[in-house]
């Protein structure tokens, strides 16, 4: 379902062994494990994803 999205490596990924990739689509942000791309992709409403990223940046 999300295979056609343009995933990018998250800037919060510490190294190659703990990476996630994120892709944006209208109204949705998709997240997957870099090492397991063919497995589960999580999808979050874009508004909720932005709130989580904002909290992470603040260290909340």
N, C-alpha and C. Protein backbone atom coordinates (compact mmCIF):
# COMPACT_ATOMS: atom_id res chain seq x y z
N UNK A 1 0.82 -1.20 0.00
CA UNK A 1 0.00 0.00 0.00
C UNK A 1 0.86 1.26 0.00
N UNK A 2 1.94 1.25 0.79
CA UNK A 2 2.80 2.43 0.89
C UNK A 2 4.09 2.28 0.10
N UNK A 3 4.22 1.24 -0.69
CA UNK A 3 5.47 0.96 -1.41
C UNK A 3 5.82 2.04 -2.43
N UNK A 4 4.85 2.77 -2.92
CA UNK A 4 5.13 3.79 -3.92
C UNK A 4 5.55 5.14 -3.32
N UNK A 5 5.56 5.24 -2.00
CA UNK A 5 5.97 6.49 -1.35
C UNK A 5 7.47 6.69 -1.41
N UNK A 6 7.91 7.93 -1.33
CA UNK A 6 9.32 8.27 -1.34
C UNK A 6 9.82 8.35 0.11
N UNK A 7 10.33 7.23 0.62
CA UNK A 7 10.82 7.18 2.00
C UNK A 7 12.19 7.83 2.10
N UNK A 8 12.46 8.46 3.23
CA UNK A 8 13.77 9.05 3.52
C UNK A 8 14.19 8.61 4.91
N UNK A 9 15.47 8.54 5.15
CA UNK A 9 15.98 8.14 6.46
C UNK A 9 15.70 9.25 7.46
N UNK A 10 15.20 8.89 8.60
CA UNK A 10 14.90 9.86 9.64
C UNK A 10 16.18 10.50 10.15
N UNK A 11 16.14 11.79 10.39
CA UNK A 11 17.31 12.50 10.94
C UNK A 11 17.57 12.10 12.38
N UNK A 12 16.61 11.43 13.02
CA UNK A 12 16.78 10.99 14.40
C UNK A 12 17.40 9.59 14.49
N UNK A 13 17.64 8.95 13.36
CA UNK A 13 18.26 7.63 13.37
C UNK A 13 19.72 7.78 13.75
N UNK A 14 20.12 7.07 14.79
CA UNK A 14 21.47 7.22 15.34
C UNK A 14 22.54 6.60 14.44
N UNK A 15 22.29 5.42 13.90
CA UNK A 15 23.27 4.74 13.06
C UNK A 15 22.56 3.74 12.17
N UNK A 16 23.34 3.00 11.40
CA UNK A 16 22.74 2.06 10.44
C UNK A 16 21.98 0.92 11.10
N UNK A 17 22.26 0.62 12.36
CA UNK A 17 21.58 -0.50 13.01
C UNK A 17 20.26 -0.11 13.68
N UNK A 18 19.96 1.17 13.74
CA UNK A 18 18.73 1.62 14.39
C UNK A 18 18.09 2.72 13.57
N UNK A 19 17.74 2.41 12.34
CA UNK A 19 17.22 3.43 11.44
C UNK A 19 15.73 3.23 11.14
N UNK A 20 15.06 4.32 11.02
CA UNK A 20 13.70 4.30 10.51
C UNK A 20 13.63 5.23 9.31
N UNK A 21 12.68 4.96 8.44
CA UNK A 21 12.44 5.80 7.28
C UNK A 21 11.04 6.37 7.37
N UNK A 22 10.89 7.58 6.86
CA UNK A 22 9.62 8.29 6.94
C UNK A 22 9.24 8.75 5.53
N UNK A 23 7.96 8.69 5.23
CA UNK A 23 7.44 9.20 3.95
C UNK A 23 6.15 9.98 4.23
N UNK A 24 5.94 11.02 3.47
CA UNK A 24 4.74 11.84 3.62
C UNK A 24 3.81 11.62 2.43
N UNK A 25 2.54 11.52 2.73
CA UNK A 25 1.49 11.44 1.73
C UNK A 25 0.38 12.38 2.20
N UNK A 26 -0.57 12.70 1.36
CA UNK A 26 -1.63 13.61 1.78
C UNK A 26 -2.33 13.13 3.06
N UNK A 27 -2.13 13.86 4.14
CA UNK A 27 -2.79 13.58 5.41
C UNK A 27 -2.19 12.47 6.24
N UNK A 28 -1.11 11.83 5.74
CA UNK A 28 -0.53 10.67 6.43
C UNK A 28 1.00 10.75 6.41
N UNK A 29 1.61 10.31 7.50
CA UNK A 29 3.05 10.10 7.55
C UNK A 29 3.28 8.61 7.80
N UNK A 30 4.07 7.98 6.94
CA UNK A 30 4.34 6.55 7.06
C UNK A 30 5.74 6.33 7.60
N UNK A 31 5.91 5.31 8.45
CA UNK A 31 7.19 5.02 9.09
C UNK A 31 7.48 3.53 8.93
N UNK A 32 8.72 3.21 8.58
CA UNK A 32 9.10 1.80 8.47
C UNK A 32 10.54 1.62 8.95
N UNK A 33 10.87 0.38 9.28
CA UNK A 33 12.22 0.00 9.71
C UNK A 33 13.09 -0.16 8.47
N UNK A 34 14.23 0.51 8.43
CA UNK A 34 15.12 0.44 7.27
C UNK A 34 15.55 -0.99 6.98
N UNK A 35 15.82 -1.77 8.01
CA UNK A 35 16.31 -3.13 7.81
C UNK A 35 15.21 -4.13 7.50
N UNK A 36 13.96 -3.74 7.65
CA UNK A 36 12.82 -4.64 7.40
C UNK A 36 11.77 -3.93 6.55
N UNK A 37 12.19 -3.41 5.43
CA UNK A 37 11.31 -2.60 4.59
C UNK A 37 10.08 -3.34 4.09
N UNK A 38 10.17 -4.64 3.94
CA UNK A 38 9.05 -5.42 3.42
C UNK A 38 8.05 -5.83 4.49
N UNK A 39 8.34 -5.49 5.73
CA UNK A 39 7.44 -5.84 6.82
C UNK A 39 6.49 -4.68 7.09
N UNK A 40 6.12 -4.48 8.31
CA UNK A 40 5.08 -3.52 8.69
C UNK A 40 5.50 -2.07 8.43
N UNK A 41 4.59 -1.31 7.86
CA UNK A 41 4.73 0.14 7.74
C UNK A 41 3.64 0.75 8.60
N UNK A 42 4.03 1.62 9.51
CA UNK A 42 3.05 2.29 10.37
C UNK A 42 2.64 3.60 9.73
N UNK A 43 1.37 3.93 9.82
CA UNK A 43 0.86 5.18 9.26
C UNK A 43 0.19 5.98 10.37
N UNK A 44 0.53 7.26 10.41
CA UNK A 44 -0.01 8.18 11.42
C UNK A 44 -0.63 9.38 10.71
N UNK A 45 -1.73 9.91 11.24
CA UNK A 45 -2.23 11.17 10.69
C UNK A 45 -1.11 12.21 10.78
N UNK A 46 -0.94 12.98 9.74
CA UNK A 46 0.17 13.94 9.68
C UNK A 46 0.21 14.87 10.89
N UNK A 47 -0.94 15.31 11.35
CA UNK A 47 -0.99 16.21 12.51
C UNK A 47 -0.40 15.54 13.75
N UNK A 48 -0.72 14.28 13.96
CA UNK A 48 -0.19 13.56 15.12
C UNK A 48 1.31 13.30 14.98
N UNK A 49 1.77 13.00 13.75
CA UNK A 49 3.20 12.78 13.52
C UNK A 49 3.99 14.06 13.81
N UNK A 50 3.49 15.20 13.35
CA UNK A 50 4.17 16.48 13.62
C UNK A 50 4.23 16.76 15.11
N UNK A 51 3.17 16.45 15.85
CA UNK A 51 3.17 16.65 17.30
C UNK A 51 4.21 15.77 17.97
N UNK A 52 4.36 14.51 17.52
CA UNK A 52 5.36 13.62 18.09
C UNK A 52 6.78 14.13 17.79
N UNK A 53 7.03 14.55 16.58
CA UNK A 53 8.36 15.06 16.20
C UNK A 53 8.67 16.33 17.00
N UNK A 54 7.71 17.20 17.16
CA UNK A 54 7.91 18.43 17.95
C UNK A 54 8.26 18.08 19.39
N UNK A 55 7.56 17.12 19.96
CA UNK A 55 7.85 16.69 21.34
C UNK A 55 9.24 16.08 21.44
N UNK A 56 9.62 15.27 20.45
CA UNK A 56 10.95 14.65 20.46
C UNK A 56 12.04 15.70 20.39
N UNK A 57 11.84 16.71 19.57
CA UNK A 57 12.84 17.79 19.46
C UNK A 57 13.00 18.54 20.76
N UNK A 58 11.92 18.68 21.49
CA UNK A 58 11.97 19.38 22.77
C UNK A 58 12.47 18.50 23.91
N UNK A 59 12.55 17.21 23.66
CA UNK A 59 13.00 16.27 24.69
C UNK A 59 11.92 15.96 25.70
N UNK A 60 10.67 16.07 25.27
CA UNK A 60 9.53 15.81 26.16
C UNK A 60 9.23 14.34 26.21
